[in-house]
Amino acid sequence: MQLVKILSVLLSKPKLSLRKRGFSINKYLCLHRCIFAEANFSTSGFSHQKMDNIPLQNETEKDEQDKSESKHGLLPGPKRKVALLLAYCGENYFGMAMNRGDRERKTIEGSLIRALVDAKLVPENCWDHPNKMSYKVASRTDKGVSTCGQVVSLKMVFHENAAELINEKLPHDIRVLGVKRTTQGFSAQYWAGARTYSYTLPTYAFASSDEEKPQYRISPEKLKSIQSFLYRYKGTHSYHNFTSGKRMGDMSAHRYIMEFEHETPFLQHDIEFMTLKLKGQSFMIHQIRKMVGLMIAIVGDHAEEHYFNMAFSEPLVDIPKAPGTGLVLERVHYDTYNKKFSHLHGGIDFSEVESEVEQFRQTRILPYIYLSEVEEEGMMEWLPTLSCHDFTGERAREDWKKMNEKKNALESNGDVDASAQEKLDNQDFDANDDFSNTNLKQTHTDLKRKNDQKEDTSFSKIVEPAEKKARNDIIDVNEES
């Protein structure tokens, strides 16, 4: 009965409202219910029916949620934080990230969010503002990169047939293979403890320049050399030369590689292929493709072995970027999250759909990789560009010296615009891109002219749009693909 006395004292002064005494309406309702509970416990005069008629805050929120769902035309059901297991073939898409300035460019993200809206699992405004549904993706992939283990976290209507409803609205080369409920604080990106990638390529990529490519079969000696380089990548190293936007000494350029192995070579369409698999905590943009590109250059006798050490110890080194077709995000690991929260909703574990994952890999991803080499000869066209890279380090040192001179000139001139300084600071990072080298630019132009057999093809018509498109594809330099 003490609560009854407290409330009586508060209400004895009608001129002073409860809000002015620091009581919110929710506190009042909570106190009001406690009074009824105590009265019902101490006497039999109060019935449970009276107490049940008192509106609670969570009931009010539920009514508001139902009205909101009705307003947005969503399916009935509670909104919950979930993790989606996503698989897609990157053949027909400009990468994972949606370009809000150009919605006509087909992206995985654009197709997924559109499907979620059309399936009436999220409101229409999430199409323009994905953050309204707490949207996060574990890893952003580049153009042409595929996956059978991508994870996306978002808040949506938790429906028992959510995967089927979304897949009905998705194109055939993008599939939601699983849906898991998570905690409210789960983020597919920030809770990811590690990521496993694979890179499938024809073994003739490691052949010397005088060896015949299509009929090439890798030797045991070459396999040992490849394995030794893969082993040297393990551990923590500074990958400032393997991406854009990172400077030597920047701790954010350090990455930890846990595993890096090669699988047994195999034949497909009379071409010998090999798959590399690596696992790391996180990867930066283009990092894996440049790791593979550097190894191809050294094992294929295009660069000396000491160039590997230079890539980690020099401020600016020219590293080739291997084609993105063979790169596949295999799995995202959530060991820490599962250890802490698996007792709540079962953790982020999609082992029950492993057969569907393998089926998508065998029917969608691998045929695309094999046929791209047979029909388009992506690796065959890329290999000649290795001769245009400077594997001595001299040109990179000259470029680094010139860039430092420009920076010093800007620093000595106090009235220089800050944006100009920032642009120059990023110039040395962009020098690692394939299109930064003049000779390499000319090589791409010559190859394009040869294919099209047009005399009016110029460097600016080919390289500049390609470079602009590549930079537009980069949304988050924090993650590789």
Protein backbone atom coordinates (compact mmCIF):
# COMPACT_ATOMS: atom_id res chain seq x y z
CA MET A 1 0.00 0.00 0.00
CA GLN A 2 3.05 2.30 0.08
CA LEU A 3 2.68 3.07 -3.65
CA VAL A 4 -0.94 4.10 -3.10
CA LYS A 5 0.17 6.60 -0.47
CA ILE A 6 2.90 8.01 -2.75
CA LEU A 7 0.47 8.55 -5.59
CA SER A 8 -2.08 10.14 -3.24
CA VAL A 9 0.50 12.70 -2.08
CA LEU A 10 1.46 13.55 -5.66
CA LEU A 11 -2.14 14.05 -6.70
CA SER A 12 -3.02 16.13 -3.61
CA LYS A 13 -1.68 19.28 -5.32
CA PRO A 14 -3.73 19.67 -8.52
CA LYS A 15 -1.91 22.83 -9.64
CA LEU A 16 1.37 20.96 -9.96
CA SER A 17 1.33 18.38 -12.75
CA LEU A 18 3.14 15.09 -12.64
CA ARG A 19 5.30 16.11 -15.62
CA LYS A 20 6.61 19.13 -13.70
CA ARG A 21 7.58 16.82 -10.87
CA GLY A 22 9.68 14.79 -13.29
CA PHE A 23 7.09 12.09 -14.03
CA SER A 24 6.62 11.11 -17.66
CA ILE A 25 3.41 9.48 -18.79
CA ASN A 26 5.23 6.14 -19.08
CA LYS A 27 6.43 6.34 -15.48
CA TYR A 28 2.89 7.21 -14.42
CA LEU A 29 1.44 4.22 -16.23
CA CYS A 30 4.08 1.94 -14.78
CA LEU A 31 3.40 3.26 -11.29
CA HIS A 32 -0.33 3.00 -11.90
CA ARG A 33 -0.03 -0.66 -12.82
CA CYS A 34 2.13 -1.41 -9.81
CA ILE A 35 -0.59 0.09 -7.58
CA PHE A 36 -3.21 -2.19 -9.10
CA ALA A 37 -0.90 -5.18 -8.81
CA GLU A 38 -0.25 -4.48 -5.12
CA ALA A 39 -3.91 -3.87 -4.44
CA ASN A 40 -4.87 -7.07 -6.24
CA PHE A 41 -2.23 -8.99 -4.30
CA SER A 42 -3.32 -7.64 -0.89
CA THR A 43 -7.09 -7.72 -1.38
CA SER A 44 -9.48 -9.72 -3.45
CA GLY A 45 -11.57 -6.68 -4.30
CA PHE A 46 -9.64 -5.84 -7.50
CA SER A 47 -10.05 -8.07 -10.53
CA HIS A 48 -7.41 -8.91 -13.12
CA GLN A 49 -9.69 -7.52 -15.79
CA LYS A 50 -9.26 -3.97 -14.53
CA MET A 51 -5.49 -4.32 -14.55
CA ASP A 52 -5.46 -5.76 -18.08
CA ASN A 53 -7.33 -2.76 -19.42
CA ILE A 54 -4.47 -0.44 -18.53
CA PRO A 55 -2.52 0.44 -21.72
CA LEU A 56 1.21 -0.37 -21.58
CA GLN A 57 3.95 1.29 -23.58
CA ASN A 58 4.86 -1.82 -25.59
CA GLU A 59 1.21 -2.33 -26.54
CA THR A 60 1.02 1.25 -27.72
CA GLU A 61 4.18 0.80 -29.77
CA LYS A 62 2.71 -2.36 -31.30
CA ASP A 63 -0.41 -0.45 -32.36
CA GLU A 64 1.77 2.26 -33.90
CA GLN A 65 3.82 -0.40 -35.67
CA ASP A 66 0.70 -2.01 -37.10
CA LYS A 67 -0.47 1.41 -38.35
CA SER A 68 2.96 2.03 -39.86
CA GLU A 69 2.91 -1.33 -41.65
CA SER A 70 -0.57 -0.63 -42.96
CA LYS A 71 0.53 2.81 -44.13
CA HIS A 72 3.57 1.47 -46.01
CA GLY A 73 1.70 -1.55 -47.35
CA LEU A 74 4.03 -4.04 -45.66
CA LEU A 75 3.23 -7.64 -44.92
CA PRO A 76 1.85 -8.24 -41.41
CA GLY A 77 4.38 -9.29 -38.82
CA PRO A 78 6.97 -7.92 -36.45
CA LYS A 79 10.06 -6.08 -37.68
CA ARG A 80 13.24 -7.83 -36.68
CA LYS A 81 16.98 -7.54 -37.31
CA VAL A 82 18.07 -10.36 -39.61
CA ALA A 83 21.08 -11.64 -41.53
CA LEU A 84 20.63 -12.72 -45.17
CA LEU A 85 22.95 -15.23 -46.83
CA LEU A 86 23.36 -13.95 -50.37
CA ALA A 87 24.81 -15.65 -53.45
CA TYR A 88 25.28 -14.01 -56.84
CA CYS A 89 27.21 -14.20 -60.08
CA GLY A 90 28.91 -10.89 -60.82
CA GLU A 91 28.91 -11.29 -64.60
CA ASN A 92 26.17 -8.76 -65.39
CA TYR A 93 26.68 -6.27 -62.55
CA PHE A 94 28.82 -3.27 -61.74
CA GLY A 95 29.80 -4.64 -58.35
CA MET A 96 27.95 -4.87 -55.05
CA ALA A 97 27.49 -1.22 -54.07
CA MET A 98 24.60 0.76 -55.49
CA ASN A 99 25.49 4.03 -57.19
CA ARG A 100 22.81 6.48 -56.09
CA GLY A 101 23.84 8.96 -58.76
CA ASP A 102 23.31 6.43 -61.55
CA ARG A 103 20.52 3.98 -60.81
CA GLU A 104 20.65 2.66 -64.37
CA ARG A 105 23.90 0.84 -63.59
CA LYS A 106 22.99 -2.67 -62.50
CA THR A 107 24.35 -3.50 -59.06
CA ILE A 108 23.72 -6.33 -56.61
CA GLU A 109 22.67 -3.90 -53.90
CA GLY A 110 20.20 -2.14 -56.15
CA SER A 111 18.56 -5.41 -57.18
CA LEU A 112 18.39 -6.66 -53.58
CA ILE A 113 16.86 -3.50 -52.08
CA ARG A 114 14.35 -3.29 -54.93
CA ALA A 115 13.34 -6.89 -54.27
CA LEU A 116 12.93 -6.23 -50.54
CA VAL A 117 10.64 -3.29 -51.29
CA ASP A 118 8.62 -5.19 -53.90
CA ALA A 119 8.26 -8.14 -51.51
CA LYS A 120 6.73 -5.68 -49.00
CA LEU A 121 9.27 -6.53 -46.32
CA VAL A 122 10.70 -3.00 -46.01
CA PRO A 123 9.15 0.44 -46.70
CA GLU A 124 9.51 2.13 -50.09
CA ASN A 125 11.73 4.89 -48.68
CA CYS A 126 14.47 2.31 -48.03
CA TRP A 127 15.16 2.38 -51.77
CA ASP A 128 16.55 5.90 -51.46
CA HIS A 129 17.74 5.61 -47.85
CA PRO A 130 18.97 2.07 -47.02
CA ASN A 131 20.14 3.30 -43.62
CA LYS A 132 16.49 3.49 -42.54
CA MET A 133 16.50 -0.31 -42.33
CA SER A 134 19.97 -0.44 -40.68
CA TYR A 135 21.44 -1.93 -43.86
CA LYS A 136 25.04 -3.25 -43.76
CA VAL A 137 26.94 -5.60 -46.06
CA ALA A 138 29.85 -7.79 -44.95
CA SER A 139 32.05 -7.12 -47.98
CA ARG A 140 31.69 -4.88 -51.01
CA THR A 141 32.66 -6.63 -54.22
CA ASP A 142 33.92 -5.15 -57.48
CA LYS A 143 32.56 -5.54 -60.96
CA GLY A 144 32.63 -9.16 -62.10
CA VAL A 145 33.27 -10.59 -58.63
CA SER A 146 30.92 -13.34 -57.44
CA THR A 147 30.01 -14.86 -54.09
CA CYS A 148 28.13 -17.74 -52.53
CA GLY A 149 28.67 -16.54 -48.95
CA GLN A 150 27.86 -12.83 -48.78
CA VAL A 151 26.04 -11.69 -45.61
CA VAL A 152 23.73 -8.67 -45.39
CA SER A 153 22.17 -7.35 -42.18
CA LEU A 154 18.99 -5.27 -42.09
CA LYS A 155 15.73 -4.73 -40.24
CA MET A 156 12.66 -6.02 -42.05
CA VAL A 157 9.34 -7.79 -41.52
CA PHE A 158 10.25 -11.19 -40.11
CA HIS A 159 8.26 -13.57 -42.31
CA GLU A 160 8.63 -17.35 -42.29
CA ASN A 161 8.87 -17.41 -46.11
CA ALA A 162 11.08 -14.33 -46.41
CA ALA A 163 13.72 -16.02 -48.60
CA GLU A 164 11.11 -17.26 -51.09
CA LEU A 165 9.37 -13.88 -51.19
CA ILE A 166 12.63 -12.04 -51.92
CA ASN A 167 13.81 -14.57 -54.52
CA GLU A 168 10.56 -14.15 -56.44
CA LYS A 169 11.53 -10.52 -57.02
CA LEU A 170 15.25 -11.12 -57.70
CA PRO A 171 16.90 -11.98 -61.04
CA HIS A 172 17.98 -15.60 -61.49
CA ASP A 173 21.68 -14.86 -60.86
CA ILE A 174 21.06 -13.43 -57.36
CA ARG A 175 19.68 -15.70 -54.64
CA VAL A 176 18.88 -15.38 -50.93
CA LEU A 177 19.85 -18.79 -49.56
CA GLY A 178 19.11 -18.23 -45.87
CA VAL A 179 17.59 -15.85 -43.31
CA LYS A 180 18.66 -15.74 -39.67
CA ARG A 181 17.29 -13.59 -36.87
CA THR A 182 19.99 -11.65 -34.99
CA THR A 183 20.37 -9.30 -32.06
CA GLN A 184 19.44 -5.64 -32.56
CA GLY A 185 23.08 -4.61 -32.47
CA PHE A 186 24.27 -7.03 -35.14
CA SER A 187 26.09 -5.60 -38.17
CA ALA A 188 27.19 -7.84 -41.02
CA GLN A 189 30.27 -5.67 -41.55
CA TYR A 190 31.46 -4.88 -38.03
CA TRP A 191 30.85 -8.32 -36.49
CA ALA A 192 32.68 -10.14 -39.30
CA GLY A 193 35.79 -11.67 -37.73
CA ALA A 194 37.25 -13.03 -40.97
CA ARG A 195 36.48 -13.60 -44.65
CA THR A 196 37.42 -16.46 -46.93
CA TYR A 197 37.99 -15.82 -50.64
CA SER A 198 38.93 -18.04 -53.54
CA TYR A 199 40.62 -17.09 -56.80
CA THR A 200 40.35 -19.49 -59.75
CA LEU A 201 42.67 -18.94 -62.70
CA PRO A 202 44.24 -20.89 -65.58
CA THR A 203 47.66 -22.24 -64.67
CA TYR A 204 49.19 -20.80 -67.86
CA ALA A 205 49.17 -17.49 -65.99
CA PHE A 206 52.36 -18.76 -64.28
CA ALA A 207 54.02 -19.85 -67.54
CA SER A 208 57.14 -18.10 -68.80
CA SER A 209 56.85 -15.87 -71.85
CA ASP A 210 58.38 -18.53 -74.15
CA GLU A 211 55.98 -21.31 -73.09
CA GLU A 212 52.82 -22.11 -75.02
CA LYS A 213 49.80 -20.94 -73.04
CA PRO A 214 46.62 -22.96 -73.84
CA GLN A 215 48.36 -26.35 -73.63
CA TYR A 216 50.37 -25.43 -70.57
CA ARG A 217 50.43 -27.82 -67.60
CA ILE A 218 51.99 -26.58 -64.40
CA SER A 219 55.04 -28.43 -63.09
CA PRO A 220 55.63 -29.59 -59.49
CA GLU A 221 58.51 -27.10 -59.26
CA LYS A 222 56.18 -24.22 -60.12
CA LEU A 223 53.65 -25.44 -57.56
CA LYS A 224 56.35 -25.39 -54.87
CA SER A 225 57.31 -21.85 -55.88
CA ILE A 226 53.66 -20.75 -55.72
CA GLN A 227 53.22 -22.32 -52.30
CA SER A 228 56.31 -20.56 -50.95
CA PHE A 229 54.94 -17.16 -52.01
CA LEU A 230 51.52 -17.92 -50.57
CA TYR A 231 53.20 -18.79 -47.28
CA ARG A 232 55.07 -15.47 -47.26
CA TYR A 233 51.77 -13.60 -47.40
CA LYS A 234 50.67 -15.11 -44.09
CA GLY A 235 50.77 -13.00 -40.96
CA THR A 236 50.43 -9.24 -40.57
CA HIS A 237 51.92 -6.96 -43.23
CA SER A 238 51.43 -3.43 -44.51
CA TYR A 239 49.51 -3.62 -47.80
CA HIS A 240 49.74 0.09 -48.61
CA ASN A 241 50.92 -0.71 -52.15
CA PHE A 242 48.10 -3.18 -52.76
CA THR A 243 45.24 -0.68 -52.66
CA SER A 244 44.34 3.00 -53.14
CA GLY A 245 44.16 5.65 -50.44
CA LYS A 246 46.79 4.24 -48.07
CA ARG A 247 50.22 5.60 -47.19
CA MET A 248 53.29 3.75 -45.99
CA GLY A 249 53.23 3.78 -42.18
CA ASP A 250 49.45 4.01 -42.04
CA MET A 251 48.35 1.39 -39.51
CA SER A 252 45.01 0.99 -41.28
CA ALA A 253 46.92 -0.55 -44.20
CA HIS A 254 48.00 -3.49 -42.02
CA ARG A 255 46.10 -6.69 -42.69
CA TYR A 256 46.31 -10.13 -41.07
CA ILE A 257 46.28 -13.13 -43.42
CA MET A 258 45.44 -16.37 -41.61
CA GLU A 259 45.53 -18.89 -44.44
CA PHE A 260 46.65 -18.93 -48.08
CA GLU A 261 46.80 -22.25 -49.95
CA HIS A 262 46.44 -23.62 -53.47
CA GLU A 263 44.27 -26.58 -54.42
CA THR A 264 45.10 -29.37 -56.86
CA PRO A 265 45.04 -28.24 -60.53
CA PHE A 266 42.21 -29.62 -62.70
CA LEU A 267 41.11 -29.58 -66.35
CA GLN A 268 38.11 -27.72 -67.74
CA HIS A 269 37.50 -27.25 -71.48
CA ASP A 270 41.04 -28.59 -72.14
CA ILE A 271 42.51 -25.78 -70.02
CA GLU A 272 44.21 -26.44 -66.70
CA PHE A 273 42.82 -24.37 -63.84
CA MET A 274 43.86 -23.91 -60.22
CA THR A 275 42.06 -22.42 -57.23
CA LEU A 276 43.76 -20.33 -54.55
CA LYS A 277 42.05 -19.95 -51.17
CA LEU A 278 42.86 -17.38 -48.54
CA LYS A 279 41.38 -16.32 -45.23
CA GLY A 280 41.99 -12.98 -43.55
CA GLN A 281 40.43 -10.66 -41.03
CA SER A 282 39.63 -8.03 -43.66
CA PHE A 283 40.73 -6.88 -47.10
CA MET A 284 41.05 -3.51 -48.78
CA ILE A 285 39.89 -2.57 -52.24
CA HIS A 286 41.84 -4.49 -54.94
CA GLN A 287 44.11 -6.08 -52.30
CA ILE A 288 43.54 -9.73 -53.22
CA ARG A 289 43.74 -9.10 -56.95
CA LYS A 290 47.08 -7.33 -56.48
CA MET A 291 48.36 -10.08 -54.20
CA VAL A 292 47.63 -12.56 -56.99
CA GLY A 293 48.99 -10.19 -59.64
CA LEU A 294 52.32 -9.78 -57.84
CA MET A 295 52.70 -13.54 -57.41
CA ILE A 296 51.96 -14.14 -61.12
CA ALA A 297 54.56 -11.55 -62.09
CA ILE A 298 57.29 -13.16 -59.98
CA VAL A 299 56.50 -16.84 -60.58
CA GLY A 300 56.06 -16.14 -64.30
CA ASP A 301 59.55 -14.56 -64.45
CA HIS A 302 58.31 -11.06 -65.20
CA ALA A 303 59.83 -9.69 -61.97
CA GLU A 304 62.73 -10.63 -59.71
CA GLU A 305 62.04 -12.36 -56.41
CA HIS A 306 63.27 -9.43 -54.32
CA TYR A 307 60.43 -7.35 -55.76
CA PHE A 308 58.13 -9.13 -53.29
CA ASN A 309 59.96 -7.53 -50.34
CA MET A 310 59.94 -4.13 -52.06
CA ALA A 311 56.15 -4.24 -52.24
CA PHE A 312 55.99 -4.10 -48.43
CA SER A 313 59.04 -1.95 -47.66
CA GLU A 314 58.93 0.81 -50.31
CA PRO A 315 56.53 3.78 -50.13
CA LEU A 316 55.40 3.38 -53.75
CA VAL A 317 55.66 0.20 -55.85
CA ASP A 318 54.02 -0.67 -59.17
CA ILE A 319 51.92 -3.82 -58.61
CA PRO A 320 49.74 -5.36 -61.35
CA LYS A 321 46.10 -6.07 -60.60
CA ALA A 322 44.86 -9.48 -61.74
CA PRO A 323 41.42 -9.74 -63.44
CA GLY A 324 38.45 -9.84 -61.10
CA THR A 325 36.55 -12.64 -62.84
CA GLY A 326 38.10 -15.47 -60.81
CA LEU A 327 37.59 -13.84 -57.40
CA VAL A 328 34.82 -15.31 -55.23
CA LEU A 329 33.79 -14.44 -51.68
CA GLU A 330 33.29 -17.90 -50.21
CA ARG A 331 32.34 -17.23 -46.61
CA VAL A 332 32.13 -14.60 -43.88
CA HIS A 333 33.05 -15.80 -40.37
CA TYR A 334 31.22 -14.66 -37.22
CA ASP A 335 32.98 -16.74 -34.55
CA THR A 336 33.03 -14.00 -31.89
CA TYR A 337 29.37 -13.12 -32.40
CA ASN A 338 28.33 -16.77 -32.28
CA LYS A 339 30.29 -17.32 -29.08
CA LYS A 340 28.50 -14.44 -27.36
CA PHE A 341 24.98 -14.59 -28.76
CA SER A 342 24.34 -18.05 -30.23
CA HIS A 343 22.14 -18.86 -27.23
CA LEU A 344 19.70 -16.11 -28.26
CA HIS A 345 18.84 -16.82 -31.89
CA GLY A 346 21.19 -19.63 -32.87
CA GLY A 347 24.07 -17.52 -34.18
CA ILE A 348 25.07 -16.76 -37.77
CA ASP A 349 25.48 -20.28 -39.11
CA PHE A 350 24.08 -21.32 -42.48
CA SER A 351 25.39 -24.89 -42.49
CA GLU A 352 21.85 -26.21 -43.08
CA VAL A 353 21.86 -24.69 -46.60
CA GLU A 354 25.36 -25.87 -47.55
CA SER A 355 23.94 -28.00 -50.38
CA GLU A 356 22.22 -24.95 -51.91
CA VAL A 357 25.46 -22.97 -51.58
CA GLU A 358 27.44 -25.67 -53.38
CA GLN A 359 24.80 -25.98 -56.08
CA PHE A 360 24.95 -22.26 -56.81
CA ARG A 361 28.74 -22.40 -56.94
CA GLN A 362 28.74 -25.31 -59.39
CA THR A 363 25.89 -24.11 -61.64
CA ARG A 364 26.32 -20.32 -61.65
CA ILE A 365 29.75 -19.14 -60.55
CA LEU A 366 32.29 -21.69 -61.80
CA PRO A 367 30.81 -22.01 -65.34
CA TYR A 368 31.01 -18.21 -65.65
CA ILE A 369 34.70 -18.28 -64.65
CA TYR A 370 35.56 -21.14 -66.99
CA LEU A 371 33.71 -19.76 -70.01
CA SER A 372 35.16 -16.29 -69.52
CA GLU A 373 38.62 -17.78 -70.04
CA VAL A 374 37.57 -19.97 -72.95
CA GLU A 375 35.48 -17.40 -74.85
CA GLU A 376 36.80 -14.01 -73.71
CA GLU A 377 40.36 -15.04 -72.75
CA GLY A 378 40.47 -12.51 -69.94
CA MET A 379 43.71 -13.77 -68.43
CA MET A 380 45.27 -14.23 -71.87
CA GLU A 381 44.63 -10.56 -72.70
CA TRP A 382 45.84 -9.36 -69.31
CA LEU A 383 49.22 -11.15 -69.33
CA PRO A 384 50.82 -8.95 -72.07
CA THR A 385 50.25 -5.87 -69.89
CA LEU A 386 52.78 -7.21 -67.36
CA SER A 387 55.61 -6.15 -69.66
CA CYS A 388 54.49 -2.53 -69.28
CA HIS A 389 54.91 -2.47 -65.51
CA ASP A 390 58.15 -1.24 -63.98
CA PHE A 391 59.46 -4.07 -61.82
CA THR A 392 62.77 -2.34 -61.10
CA GLY A 393 61.25 0.28 -58.81
CA GLU A 394 63.10 3.16 -60.51
CA ARG A 395 60.07 4.77 -62.08
CA ALA A 396 58.10 4.50 -58.84
CA ARG A 397 60.92 6.20 -56.93
CA GLU A 398 60.99 9.04 -59.47
CA ASP A 399 57.22 9.45 -59.22
CA TRP A 400 57.46 9.45 -55.42
CA LYS A 401 60.17 12.13 -55.54
CA LYS A 402 58.14 14.37 -57.85
CA MET A 403 55.03 14.03 -55.73
CA ASN A 404 56.94 14.96 -52.59
CA GLU A 405 58.33 18.05 -54.34
CA LYS A 406 54.81 19.13 -55.25
CA LYS A 407 53.64 18.58 -51.69
CA ASN A 408 56.51 20.62 -50.30
CA ALA A 409 55.66 23.42 -52.73
CA LEU A 410 52.06 23.41 -51.55
CA GLU A 411 53.07 23.39 -47.90
CA SER A 412 55.35 26.39 -48.42
CA ASN A 413 52.49 28.35 -50.03
CA GLY A 414 50.06 29.13 -47.23
CA ASP A 415 47.24 30.47 -49.42
CA VAL A 416 46.79 27.24 -51.35
CA ASP A 417 43.28 25.81 -51.20
CA ALA A 418 42.94 22.90 -48.78
CA SER A 419 41.14 20.82 -51.42
CA ALA A 420 44.20 21.08 -53.68
CA GLN A 421 46.38 19.78 -50.87
CA GLU A 422 44.04 16.88 -50.25
CA LYS A 423 43.96 16.04 -53.94
CA LEU A 424 47.74 15.94 -54.06
CA ASP A 425 47.91 13.81 -50.92
CA ASN A 426 45.83 11.18 -52.68
CA GLN A 427 47.79 11.35 -55.92
CA ASP A 428 50.50 8.95 -54.80
CA PHE A 429 47.89 6.41 -53.74
CA ASP A 430 46.26 6.46 -57.16
CA ALA A 431 49.61 5.86 -58.81
CA ASN A 432 49.23 2.17 -58.00
CA ASP A 433 46.25 1.83 -60.33
CA ASP A 434 46.79 0.06 -63.64
CA PHE A 435 45.83 3.13 -65.64
CA SER A 436 48.42 5.39 -63.97
CA ASN A 437 51.34 4.19 -66.06
CA THR A 438 51.72 5.89 -69.43
CA ASN A 439 53.09 2.83 -71.20
CA LEU A 440 50.36 0.67 -69.74
CA LYS A 441 47.73 3.15 -70.90
CA GLN A 442 49.13 2.97 -74.39
CA THR A 443 49.08 -0.82 -74.27
CA HIS A 444 45.39 -0.84 -73.38
CA THR A 445 44.79 1.58 -76.26
CA ASP A 446 46.69 -0.62 -78.72
CA LEU A 447 44.84 -3.74 -77.63
CA LYS A 448 41.52 -1.96 -78.00
CA ARG A 449 42.45 -0.65 -81.45
CA LYS A 450 43.48 -4.13 -82.52
CA ASN A 451 40.20 -5.64 -81.40
CA ASP A 452 37.99 -2.97 -82.92
CA GLN A 453 40.22 -2.31 -85.98
CA LYS A 454 39.50 1.39 -85.77
CA GLU A 455 42.17 4.02 -86.51
CA ASP A 456 40.43 6.81 -84.58
CA THR A 457 40.61 5.06 -81.20
CA SER A 458 42.56 7.33 -78.86
CA PHE A 459 43.88 7.01 -75.34
CA SER A 460 41.35 9.48 -73.97
CA LYS A 461 38.39 7.60 -75.46
CA ILE A 462 39.40 4.32 -73.86
CA VAL A 463 41.36 4.90 -70.69
CA GLU A 464 39.64 7.94 -69.20
CA PRO A 465 36.11 6.45 -69.22
CA ALA A 466 37.50 3.18 -67.89
CA GLU A 467 39.34 4.97 -65.10
CA LYS A 468 36.30 7.09 -64.25
CA LYS A 469 34.10 3.99 -64.18
CA ALA A 470 36.58 2.16 -61.95
CA ARG A 471 36.67 5.04 -59.47
CA ASN A 472 32.87 5.28 -59.41
CA ASP A 473 32.76 1.60 -58.51
CA ILE A 474 34.85 2.23 -55.40
CA ILE A 475 32.35 2.98 -52.64
CA ASP A 476 34.14 1.73 -49.56
CA VAL A 477 37.93 1.41 -49.64
CA ASN A 478 37.68 -0.44 -46.33
CA GLU A 479 36.71 -3.70 -47.99
CA GLU A 480 38.15 -5.67 -50.88
CA SER A 481 36.65 -7.25 -53.70
